[in-house]
N, C-alpha and C. Protein backbone atom coordinates (compact mmCIF):
# COMPACT_ATOMS: atom_id res chain seq x y z
N MET A 1 0.84 -1.17 0.00
CA MET A 1 0.00 0.00 0.00
C MET A 1 0.89 1.24 0.00
N ARG A 2 0.49 2.21 -0.73
CA ARG A 2 1.25 3.46 -0.76
C ARG A 2 0.80 4.36 0.38
N VAL A 3 1.79 4.97 1.01
CA VAL A 3 1.53 5.90 2.11
C VAL A 3 2.19 7.21 1.75
N ARG A 4 1.47 8.30 1.93
CA ARG A 4 2.02 9.62 1.62
C ARG A 4 3.23 9.91 2.50
N PRO A 5 4.23 10.59 1.94
CA PRO A 5 5.41 10.96 2.74
C PRO A 5 4.99 11.72 4.00
N GLY A 6 5.62 11.37 5.10
CA GLY A 6 5.31 12.01 6.36
C GLY A 6 4.17 11.37 7.12
N HIS A 7 3.51 10.37 6.53
CA HIS A 7 2.37 9.73 7.18
C HIS A 7 2.63 8.25 7.50
N ARG A 8 3.85 7.81 7.38
CA ARG A 8 4.16 6.40 7.69
C ARG A 8 3.99 6.15 9.18
N GLY A 9 3.44 5.01 9.52
CA GLY A 9 3.23 4.66 10.92
C GLY A 9 2.01 5.30 11.54
N VAL A 10 1.25 6.05 10.76
CA VAL A 10 0.04 6.71 11.26
C VAL A 10 -1.15 6.05 10.58
N GLY A 11 -2.17 5.72 11.33
CA GLY A 11 -3.35 5.11 10.73
C GLY A 11 -3.38 3.60 10.92
N ILE A 12 -4.15 2.92 10.06
CA ILE A 12 -4.38 1.49 10.25
C ILE A 12 -3.68 0.62 9.22
N THR A 13 -2.86 1.21 8.33
CA THR A 13 -2.22 0.44 7.27
C THR A 13 -1.37 -0.69 7.83
N ASN A 14 -0.55 -0.42 8.84
CA ASN A 14 0.32 -1.46 9.41
C ASN A 14 -0.49 -2.61 9.98
N GLU A 15 -1.59 -2.31 10.66
CA GLU A 15 -2.43 -3.35 11.23
C GLU A 15 -3.11 -4.19 10.15
N LEU A 16 -3.54 -3.53 9.07
CA LEU A 16 -4.16 -4.27 7.96
C LEU A 16 -3.19 -5.23 7.33
N ILE A 17 -1.98 -4.78 7.08
CA ILE A 17 -0.97 -5.65 6.47
C ILE A 17 -0.59 -6.78 7.42
N ALA A 18 -0.42 -6.49 8.69
CA ALA A 18 -0.08 -7.52 9.67
C ALA A 18 -1.17 -8.59 9.74
N GLY A 19 -2.43 -8.18 9.69
CA GLY A 19 -3.54 -9.13 9.71
C GLY A 19 -3.57 -9.99 8.46
N ALA A 20 -3.29 -9.39 7.30
CA ALA A 20 -3.27 -10.16 6.05
C ALA A 20 -2.14 -11.16 6.05
N VAL A 21 -0.98 -10.78 6.56
CA VAL A 21 0.17 -11.70 6.62
C VAL A 21 -0.13 -12.85 7.56
N GLU A 22 -0.69 -12.56 8.71
CA GLU A 22 -1.02 -13.61 9.68
C GLU A 22 -2.04 -14.59 9.11
N PHE A 23 -3.05 -14.07 8.42
CA PHE A 23 -4.05 -14.92 7.78
C PHE A 23 -3.40 -15.84 6.74
N ALA A 24 -2.52 -15.28 5.93
CA ALA A 24 -1.86 -16.07 4.88
C ALA A 24 -0.98 -17.16 5.49
N ARG A 25 -0.26 -16.83 6.55
CA ARG A 25 0.61 -17.84 7.18
C ARG A 25 -0.20 -18.96 7.80
N ALA A 26 -1.37 -18.65 8.31
CA ALA A 26 -2.20 -19.66 8.96
C ALA A 26 -2.90 -20.56 7.95
N ARG A 27 -3.22 -20.05 6.76
CA ARG A 27 -4.05 -20.79 5.82
C ARG A 27 -3.30 -21.36 4.62
N PHE A 28 -2.15 -20.77 4.26
CA PHE A 28 -1.47 -21.17 3.05
C PHE A 28 -0.13 -21.82 3.37
N THR A 29 0.28 -22.76 2.51
CA THR A 29 1.58 -23.39 2.65
C THR A 29 2.36 -23.21 1.36
N LYS A 30 3.66 -23.15 1.47
CA LYS A 30 4.52 -22.99 0.30
C LYS A 30 4.55 -24.30 -0.47
N ALA A 31 4.21 -24.23 -1.75
CA ALA A 31 4.17 -25.44 -2.58
C ALA A 31 5.45 -25.60 -3.39
N ALA A 32 6.00 -24.51 -3.92
CA ALA A 32 7.20 -24.62 -4.75
C ALA A 32 7.82 -23.25 -4.97
N ASP A 33 9.13 -23.27 -5.22
CA ASP A 33 9.82 -22.06 -5.65
C ASP A 33 9.62 -21.91 -7.15
N ILE A 34 9.55 -20.68 -7.60
CA ILE A 34 9.43 -20.38 -9.03
C ILE A 34 10.70 -19.62 -9.40
N GLY A 35 11.23 -19.84 -10.58
CA GLY A 35 12.47 -19.21 -10.98
C GLY A 35 12.37 -17.72 -11.23
N SER A 36 11.20 -17.15 -11.11
CA SER A 36 10.98 -15.73 -11.40
C SER A 36 11.28 -14.86 -10.19
N VAL A 37 11.75 -13.65 -10.46
CA VAL A 37 12.00 -12.66 -9.42
C VAL A 37 11.25 -11.39 -9.80
N LEU A 38 10.53 -10.81 -8.86
CA LEU A 38 9.76 -9.60 -9.10
C LEU A 38 10.21 -8.52 -8.13
N ASN A 39 10.76 -7.43 -8.65
CA ASN A 39 11.26 -6.32 -7.83
C ASN A 39 12.26 -6.79 -6.79
N GLY A 40 13.08 -7.76 -7.15
CA GLY A 40 14.11 -8.26 -6.24
C GLY A 40 13.65 -9.33 -5.28
N PHE A 41 12.36 -9.69 -5.31
CA PHE A 41 11.84 -10.71 -4.41
C PHE A 41 11.52 -11.98 -5.20
N PRO A 42 12.00 -13.14 -4.75
CA PRO A 42 11.68 -14.38 -5.46
C PRO A 42 10.19 -14.71 -5.31
N ARG A 43 9.60 -15.19 -6.39
CA ARG A 43 8.19 -15.57 -6.35
C ARG A 43 8.08 -17.03 -5.91
N VAL A 44 7.01 -17.36 -5.21
CA VAL A 44 6.77 -18.73 -4.77
C VAL A 44 5.32 -19.09 -5.06
N LEU A 45 5.06 -20.37 -5.21
CA LEU A 45 3.71 -20.87 -5.42
C LEU A 45 3.16 -21.30 -4.07
N MET A 46 1.99 -20.75 -3.72
CA MET A 46 1.36 -21.06 -2.44
C MET A 46 0.08 -21.85 -2.69
N ARG A 47 -0.26 -22.74 -1.76
CA ARG A 47 -1.48 -23.52 -1.83
C ARG A 47 -2.29 -23.34 -0.58
N LEU A 48 -3.60 -23.29 -0.75
CA LEU A 48 -4.51 -23.21 0.40
C LEU A 48 -4.56 -24.57 1.05
N ALA A 49 -4.30 -24.61 2.35
CA ALA A 49 -4.33 -25.86 3.09
C ALA A 49 -5.78 -26.28 3.31
N LEU A 50 -6.16 -27.40 2.72
CA LEU A 50 -7.52 -27.93 2.90
C LEU A 50 -7.53 -28.94 4.02
N HIS A 51 -8.45 -28.77 4.95
CA HIS A 51 -8.50 -29.68 6.11
C HIS A 51 -9.75 -30.50 6.05
């Protein structure tokens, strides 16, 4: 999410991102590495854990 200069750490953006990351870690598992890199970050294939 983009945040205007001077407004970082103010508002609910950090909490929204933290909640989304926690949800993803709880529900998804890493299935495979992909050879692609996007903006310096390696891409990975994730799968929804079905119980």
